[in-house]
Amino acid sequence: MLNFKTIGRTLTAGALLLSFVVLLSGQAEARPNFLGVFKKTYPELAKNKNVKVNCYVCHNSKNNKKKKQRNNYGTALAKALGTTKEKDKEKIAKAIKKIESEESHVEGKKFVDLIKDGKLPGEDKPATAAN
C-alpha cells in the first residue's frame, strides 16, 4: 500500500522532471519557414550535394552558436520583411524574390547570381552596419 511519503516523493520527482523538460524545450526558437521557403524557391541549390542549405543561408557560422548574427543575405531578408519573426510563407517568398537582385558580397554579383552558380548567397561573417 502507498503511503503519503511515497506519493509525495513521486509527485516531487515528476514535477522536477516536467520542469526540466519545459525549461529545455523553451529555448529553441528556430524559424523553419525561412529555410523551407528558401529551399522551395531554389530547389536546384537545395539538391546540390556540394552545398549545405541550412541556417547558414541567413546566418554566419563563425562564433554564432545561438544564430543571432545575420550575414548580409539574412540582413537584407529581414529588412525586406520588416521583421525577423515572420511566419507567413507567402510573405517570406516575396521577400526572397525581392532581394535576389541586390548586390552580394562578391563584387559584380547579385544574390541570385551566386545562387545560380550553386553557392549560398550570404557571406560567412556577420553583416556590417551598412547592410
N, C-alpha and C. Protein backbone atom coordinates (compact mmCIF):
# COMPACT_ATOMS: atom_id res chain seq x y z
N MET A 1 0.83 -1.18 0.00
CA MET A 1 0.00 0.00 0.00
C MET A 1 0.88 1.25 0.00
N LEU A 2 0.45 2.26 -0.75
CA LEU A 2 1.20 3.51 -0.83
C LEU A 2 0.93 4.38 0.38
N ASN A 3 1.97 4.99 0.88
CA ASN A 3 1.77 5.94 1.96
C ASN A 3 2.02 7.35 1.44
N PHE A 4 1.78 8.33 2.27
CA PHE A 4 1.89 9.72 1.84
C PHE A 4 3.31 10.12 1.46
N LYS A 5 4.32 9.54 2.12
CA LYS A 5 5.71 9.86 1.80
C LYS A 5 6.04 9.42 0.37
N THR A 6 5.63 8.22 0.01
CA THR A 6 5.91 7.69 -1.33
C THR A 6 5.20 8.52 -2.40
N ILE A 7 3.96 8.84 -2.15
CA ILE A 7 3.19 9.66 -3.10
C ILE A 7 3.84 11.04 -3.24
N GLY A 8 4.24 11.64 -2.12
CA GLY A 8 4.88 12.96 -2.16
C GLY A 8 6.18 12.95 -2.92
N ARG A 9 6.99 11.93 -2.71
CA ARG A 9 8.27 11.83 -3.43
C ARG A 9 8.04 11.63 -4.93
N THR A 10 7.07 10.81 -5.27
CA THR A 10 6.76 10.56 -6.68
C THR A 10 6.28 11.85 -7.35
N LEU A 11 5.41 12.57 -6.70
CA LEU A 11 4.91 13.83 -7.26
C LEU A 11 6.03 14.87 -7.39
N THR A 12 6.89 14.94 -6.40
CA THR A 12 8.02 15.88 -6.46
C THR A 12 8.96 15.54 -7.61
N ALA A 13 9.29 14.26 -7.75
CA ALA A 13 10.18 13.83 -8.85
C ALA A 13 9.53 14.13 -10.19
N GLY A 14 8.24 13.88 -10.31
CA GLY A 14 7.52 14.16 -11.56
C GLY A 14 7.50 15.64 -11.89
N ALA A 15 7.29 16.46 -10.87
CA ALA A 15 7.26 17.91 -11.07
C ALA A 15 8.63 18.43 -11.51
N LEU A 16 9.69 17.90 -10.90
CA LEU A 16 11.05 18.30 -11.30
C LEU A 16 11.35 17.90 -12.74
N LEU A 17 10.97 16.69 -13.09
CA LEU A 17 11.20 16.22 -14.45
C LEU A 17 10.44 17.08 -15.45
N LEU A 18 9.20 17.38 -15.16
CA LEU A 18 8.41 18.23 -16.03
C LEU A 18 9.02 19.63 -16.14
N SER A 19 9.53 20.17 -15.06
CA SER A 19 10.17 21.48 -15.07
C SER A 19 11.39 21.50 -16.00
N PHE A 20 12.21 20.46 -15.92
CA PHE A 20 13.38 20.38 -16.79
C PHE A 20 12.98 20.31 -18.26
N VAL A 21 11.97 19.54 -18.56
CA VAL A 21 11.51 19.40 -19.95
C VAL A 21 11.02 20.74 -20.47
N VAL A 22 10.24 21.44 -19.68
CA VAL A 22 9.70 22.74 -20.09
C VAL A 22 10.83 23.75 -20.27
N LEU A 23 11.78 23.79 -19.36
CA LEU A 23 12.89 24.73 -19.46
C LEU A 23 13.75 24.46 -20.68
N LEU A 24 14.04 23.23 -20.96
CA LEU A 24 14.89 22.90 -22.09
C LEU A 24 14.19 23.13 -23.42
N SER A 25 12.92 22.83 -23.50
CA SER A 25 12.21 22.98 -24.77
C SER A 25 11.90 24.44 -25.09
N GLY A 26 11.84 25.30 -24.09
CA GLY A 26 11.51 26.70 -24.31
C GLY A 26 12.62 27.51 -24.94
N GLN A 27 13.83 26.97 -25.03
CA GLN A 27 14.95 27.73 -25.55
C GLN A 27 15.06 27.68 -27.06
N ALA A 28 14.50 26.70 -27.69
CA ALA A 28 14.60 26.59 -29.14
C ALA A 28 13.67 27.61 -29.78
N GLU A 29 14.19 28.34 -30.74
CA GLU A 29 13.38 29.35 -31.41
C GLU A 29 13.67 29.34 -32.91
N ALA A 30 13.67 28.17 -33.48
CA ALA A 30 14.01 28.03 -34.89
C ALA A 30 12.88 28.61 -35.76
N ARG A 31 13.25 29.06 -36.92
CA ARG A 31 12.30 29.58 -37.88
C ARG A 31 12.35 28.70 -39.14
N PRO A 32 11.76 27.51 -39.09
CA PRO A 32 11.86 26.61 -40.22
C PRO A 32 11.17 27.14 -41.48
N ASN A 33 10.24 28.08 -41.34
CA ASN A 33 9.57 28.62 -42.53
C ASN A 33 10.55 29.29 -43.48
N PHE A 34 11.54 30.00 -42.94
CA PHE A 34 12.50 30.69 -43.79
C PHE A 34 13.28 29.69 -44.63
N LEU A 35 13.82 28.68 -44.00
CA LEU A 35 14.63 27.70 -44.69
C LEU A 35 13.79 26.89 -45.68
N GLY A 36 12.60 26.50 -45.27
CA GLY A 36 11.71 25.74 -46.15
C GLY A 36 11.33 26.52 -47.39
N VAL A 37 11.01 27.79 -47.22
CA VAL A 37 10.65 28.63 -48.37
C VAL A 37 11.85 28.85 -49.27
N PHE A 38 13.03 29.03 -48.68
CA PHE A 38 14.25 29.20 -49.48
C PHE A 38 14.49 27.96 -50.34
N LYS A 39 14.38 26.78 -49.72
CA LYS A 39 14.60 25.53 -50.46
C LYS A 39 13.57 25.35 -51.57
N LYS A 40 12.35 25.76 -51.31
CA LYS A 40 11.29 25.64 -52.32
C LYS A 40 11.51 26.64 -53.46
N THR A 41 12.02 27.82 -53.12
CA THR A 41 12.28 28.85 -54.12
C THR A 41 13.46 28.47 -55.01
N TYR A 42 14.47 27.85 -54.42
CA TYR A 42 15.68 27.47 -55.16
C TYR A 42 15.96 25.97 -55.01
N PRO A 43 15.11 25.13 -55.62
CA PRO A 43 15.26 23.68 -55.44
C PRO A 43 16.58 23.13 -55.99
N GLU A 44 17.11 23.77 -57.03
CA GLU A 44 18.39 23.29 -57.61
C GLU A 44 19.51 23.41 -56.58
N LEU A 45 19.52 24.53 -55.86
CA LEU A 45 20.55 24.73 -54.84
C LEU A 45 20.34 23.77 -53.67
N ALA A 46 19.08 23.54 -53.30
CA ALA A 46 18.77 22.64 -52.19
C ALA A 46 19.20 21.20 -52.52
N LYS A 47 19.16 20.83 -53.79
CA LYS A 47 19.54 19.46 -54.19
C LYS A 47 21.03 19.32 -54.44
N ASN A 48 21.75 20.43 -54.51
CA ASN A 48 23.19 20.42 -54.77
C ASN A 48 23.92 19.75 -53.61
N LYS A 49 24.59 18.67 -53.87
CA LYS A 49 25.28 17.91 -52.82
C LYS A 49 26.55 18.61 -52.32
N ASN A 50 27.03 19.61 -53.05
CA ASN A 50 28.24 20.33 -52.65
C ASN A 50 27.95 21.52 -51.73
N VAL A 51 26.67 21.81 -51.54
CA VAL A 51 26.27 22.97 -50.73
C VAL A 51 25.30 22.51 -49.65
N LYS A 52 25.55 22.92 -48.42
CA LYS A 52 24.64 22.62 -47.32
C LYS A 52 23.68 23.80 -47.18
N VAL A 53 22.45 23.60 -47.55
CA VAL A 53 21.44 24.64 -47.39
C VAL A 53 20.83 24.44 -46.01
N ASN A 54 21.26 25.27 -45.08
CA ASN A 54 20.79 25.18 -43.70
C ASN A 54 20.66 26.59 -43.13
N CYS A 55 20.76 26.72 -41.84
CA CYS A 55 20.59 28.02 -41.18
C CYS A 55 21.60 29.06 -41.67
N TYR A 56 22.73 28.58 -42.21
CA TYR A 56 23.78 29.49 -42.62
C TYR A 56 23.50 30.17 -43.95
N VAL A 57 22.32 29.97 -44.50
CA VAL A 57 21.89 30.77 -45.64
C VAL A 57 21.78 32.22 -45.16
N CYS A 58 21.21 32.41 -43.99
CA CYS A 58 20.99 33.75 -43.44
C CYS A 58 21.91 34.13 -42.29
N HIS A 59 22.54 33.14 -41.68
CA HIS A 59 23.41 33.38 -40.53
C HIS A 59 24.83 32.98 -40.86
N ASN A 60 25.77 33.63 -40.20
CA ASN A 60 27.15 33.21 -40.36
C ASN A 60 27.44 32.09 -39.38
N SER A 61 28.37 31.22 -39.72
CA SER A 61 28.63 30.05 -38.88
C SER A 61 29.71 30.29 -37.84
N LYS A 62 30.52 31.29 -38.01
CA LYS A 62 31.66 31.51 -37.12
C LYS A 62 31.23 32.19 -35.83
N ASN A 63 31.50 31.52 -34.70
CA ASN A 63 31.22 32.08 -33.37
C ASN A 63 29.78 32.57 -33.24
N ASN A 64 28.83 31.79 -33.74
CA ASN A 64 27.44 32.22 -33.76
C ASN A 64 26.54 31.05 -33.36
N LYS A 65 26.79 30.46 -32.20
CA LYS A 65 26.07 29.26 -31.80
C LYS A 65 24.58 29.50 -31.63
N LYS A 66 24.20 30.68 -31.19
CA LYS A 66 22.77 30.96 -31.00
C LYS A 66 22.13 31.57 -32.24
N LYS A 67 22.90 31.76 -33.28
CA LYS A 67 22.43 32.27 -34.57
C LYS A 67 21.70 33.61 -34.45
N LYS A 68 22.23 34.49 -33.63
CA LYS A 68 21.63 35.81 -33.52
C LYS A 68 22.20 36.76 -34.57
N GLN A 69 23.42 36.50 -35.00
CA GLN A 69 24.03 37.36 -36.02
C GLN A 69 23.61 36.89 -37.41
N ARG A 70 23.21 37.85 -38.22
CA ARG A 70 22.86 37.53 -39.60
C ARG A 70 23.99 37.95 -40.52
N ASN A 71 24.11 37.23 -41.63
CA ASN A 71 25.06 37.65 -42.65
C ASN A 71 24.38 38.70 -43.54
N ASN A 72 25.04 39.09 -44.60
CA ASN A 72 24.48 40.15 -45.45
C ASN A 72 23.16 39.73 -46.10
N TYR A 73 23.02 38.47 -46.46
CA TYR A 73 21.77 37.98 -47.06
C TYR A 73 20.65 37.99 -46.02
N GLY A 74 20.93 37.48 -44.83
CA GLY A 74 19.93 37.46 -43.77
C GLY A 74 19.49 38.85 -43.35
N THR A 75 20.42 39.78 -43.35
CA THR A 75 20.09 41.17 -43.02
C THR A 75 19.19 41.78 -44.09
N ALA A 76 19.51 41.51 -45.35
CA ALA A 76 18.69 42.03 -46.45
C ALA A 76 17.28 41.43 -46.40
N LEU A 77 17.18 40.15 -46.07
CA LEU A 77 15.87 39.50 -45.98
C LEU A 77 15.05 40.08 -44.83
N ALA A 78 15.68 40.26 -43.68
CA ALA A 78 14.97 40.84 -42.53
C ALA A 78 14.50 42.26 -42.85
N LYS A 79 15.33 43.02 -43.56
CA LYS A 79 14.96 44.38 -43.94
C LYS A 79 13.78 44.38 -44.90
N ALA A 80 13.79 43.45 -45.86
CA ALA A 80 12.69 43.37 -46.83
C ALA A 80 11.38 42.96 -46.15
N LEU A 81 11.47 42.11 -45.15
CA LEU A 81 10.28 41.67 -44.42
C LEU A 81 9.82 42.68 -43.38
N GLY A 82 10.77 43.45 -42.85
CA GLY A 82 10.45 44.39 -41.79
C GLY A 82 10.45 43.73 -40.42
N THR A 83 10.78 42.43 -40.37
CA THR A 83 10.81 41.69 -39.11
C THR A 83 11.65 40.42 -39.30
N THR A 84 12.05 39.83 -38.19
CA THR A 84 12.74 38.53 -38.26
C THR A 84 11.83 37.42 -37.75
N LYS A 85 10.60 37.77 -37.40
CA LYS A 85 9.68 36.79 -36.81
C LYS A 85 8.51 36.46 -37.73
N GLU A 86 8.65 36.75 -38.99
CA GLU A 86 7.56 36.48 -39.95
C GLU A 86 7.32 34.98 -40.07
N LYS A 87 6.05 34.59 -40.10
CA LYS A 87 5.69 33.18 -40.23
C LYS A 87 4.93 32.90 -41.51
N ASP A 88 4.43 33.93 -42.16
CA ASP A 88 3.66 33.76 -43.39
C ASP A 88 4.59 33.38 -44.55
N LYS A 89 4.45 32.18 -45.06
CA LYS A 89 5.34 31.66 -46.10
C LYS A 89 5.26 32.48 -47.39
N GLU A 90 4.10 32.99 -47.69
CA GLU A 90 3.93 33.79 -48.90
C GLU A 90 4.72 35.10 -48.80
N LYS A 91 4.67 35.75 -47.66
CA LYS A 91 5.42 36.99 -47.45
C LYS A 91 6.93 36.73 -47.50
N ILE A 92 7.34 35.60 -46.92
CA ILE A 92 8.76 35.24 -46.95
C ILE A 92 9.21 35.01 -48.39
N ALA A 93 8.40 34.29 -49.16
CA ALA A 93 8.74 34.02 -50.57
C ALA A 93 8.86 35.31 -51.37
N LYS A 94 7.94 36.24 -51.15
CA LYS A 94 8.00 37.53 -51.85
C LYS A 94 9.27 38.30 -51.49
N ALA A 95 9.63 38.26 -50.21
CA ALA A 95 10.83 38.97 -49.76
C ALA A 95 12.08 38.33 -50.36
N ILE A 96 12.12 37.00 -50.43
CA ILE A 96 13.26 36.31 -51.03
C ILE A 96 13.42 36.71 -52.48
N LYS A 97 12.32 36.75 -53.21
CA LYS A 97 12.37 37.16 -54.62
C LYS A 97 12.77 38.64 -54.75
N LYS A 98 12.30 39.46 -53.83
CA LYS A 98 12.58 40.89 -53.87
C LYS A 98 14.08 41.17 -53.71
N ILE A 99 14.75 40.44 -52.83
CA ILE A 99 16.15 40.76 -52.55
C ILE A 99 17.13 40.04 -53.48
N GLU A 100 16.65 39.14 -54.32
CA GLU A 100 17.61 38.39 -55.14
C GLU A 100 18.38 39.28 -56.11
N SER A 101 17.87 40.45 -56.41
CA SER A 101 18.58 41.35 -57.33
C SER A 101 19.50 42.34 -56.60
N GLU A 102 19.61 42.20 -55.28
CA GLU A 102 20.51 43.07 -54.51
C GLU A 102 21.95 42.60 -54.62
N GLU A 103 22.87 43.53 -54.43
CA GLU A 103 24.30 43.23 -54.52
C GLU A 103 24.73 42.30 -53.40
N SER A 104 25.54 41.31 -53.73
CA SER A 104 26.07 40.39 -52.73
C SER A 104 27.44 40.88 -52.26
N HIS A 105 28.11 40.07 -51.48
CA HIS A 105 29.45 40.40 -51.00
C HIS A 105 30.52 40.21 -52.09
N VAL A 106 30.16 39.54 -53.17
CA VAL A 106 31.09 39.32 -54.28
C VAL A 106 30.88 40.46 -55.29
N GLU A 107 31.94 41.17 -55.58
CA GLU A 107 31.84 42.32 -56.46
C GLU A 107 31.27 41.94 -57.83
N GLY A 108 30.25 42.67 -58.25
CA GLY A 108 29.63 42.45 -59.56
C GLY A 108 28.62 41.30 -59.59
N LYS A 109 28.36 40.70 -58.44
CA LYS A 109 27.41 39.58 -58.38
C LYS A 109 26.26 39.94 -57.45
N LYS A 110 25.08 39.60 -57.89
CA LYS A 110 23.89 39.77 -57.07
C LYS A 110 23.64 38.45 -56.33
N PHE A 111 22.74 38.48 -55.34
CA PHE A 111 22.45 37.26 -54.60
C PHE A 111 22.03 36.14 -55.54
N VAL A 112 21.16 36.45 -56.50
CA VAL A 112 20.67 35.43 -57.42
C VAL A 112 21.79 34.85 -58.29
N ASP A 113 22.80 35.66 -58.61
CA ASP A 113 23.93 35.15 -59.40
C ASP A 113 24.69 34.06 -58.62
N LEU A 114 24.88 34.30 -57.34
CA LEU A 114 25.57 33.30 -56.51
C LEU A 114 24.74 32.02 -56.42
N ILE A 115 23.44 32.17 -56.26
CA ILE A 115 22.56 31.01 -56.18
C ILE A 115 22.62 30.22 -57.49
N LYS A 116 22.58 30.92 -58.61
CA LYS A 116 22.66 30.24 -59.91
C LYS A 116 24.02 29.56 -60.10
N ASP A 117 25.05 30.10 -59.46
CA ASP A 117 26.39 29.49 -59.53
C ASP A 117 26.52 28.32 -58.56
N GLY A 118 25.44 27.98 -57.82
CA GLY A 118 25.48 26.87 -56.89
C GLY A 118 26.13 27.20 -55.56
N LYS A 119 26.04 28.47 -55.14
CA LYS A 119 26.65 28.92 -53.88
C LYS A 119 25.59 29.55 -53.00
N LEU A 120 25.85 29.55 -51.70
CA LEU A 120 24.95 30.25 -50.79
C LEU A 120 25.09 31.75 -51.02
N PRO A 121 23.99 32.49 -50.93
CA PRO A 121 24.05 33.92 -51.23
C PRO A 121 24.73 34.77 -50.17
N GLY A 122 24.74 34.31 -48.93
CA GLY A 122 25.28 35.12 -47.85
C GLY A 122 26.74 34.86 -47.58
N GLU A 123 27.40 35.90 -47.13
CA GLU A 123 28.81 35.80 -46.75
C GLU A 123 28.89 35.16 -45.36
N ASP A 124 29.90 34.35 -45.12
CA ASP A 124 30.02 33.66 -43.84
C ASP A 124 30.70 34.52 -42.77
N LYS A 125 30.14 35.69 -42.58
CA LYS A 125 30.58 36.57 -41.49
C LYS A 125 29.42 37.52 -41.19
N PRO A 126 29.41 38.11 -40.00
CA PRO A 126 28.29 39.00 -39.66
C PRO A 126 28.19 40.17 -40.63
N ALA A 127 26.97 40.58 -40.86
CA ALA A 127 26.74 41.72 -41.74
C ALA A 127 27.34 42.97 -41.12
N THR A 128 27.79 43.86 -41.97
CA THR A 128 28.35 45.12 -41.50
C THR A 128 27.20 46.07 -41.22
N ALA A 129 27.49 47.16 -40.58
CA ALA A 129 26.45 48.14 -40.22
C ALA A 129 25.79 48.71 -41.47
N ALA A 130 26.49 48.70 -42.59
CA ALA A 130 25.94 49.26 -43.82
C ALA A 130 24.83 48.41 -44.38
N ASN A 131 24.81 47.13 -44.01
CA ASN A 131 23.76 46.24 -44.53
C ASN A 131 22.51 46.49 -43.76
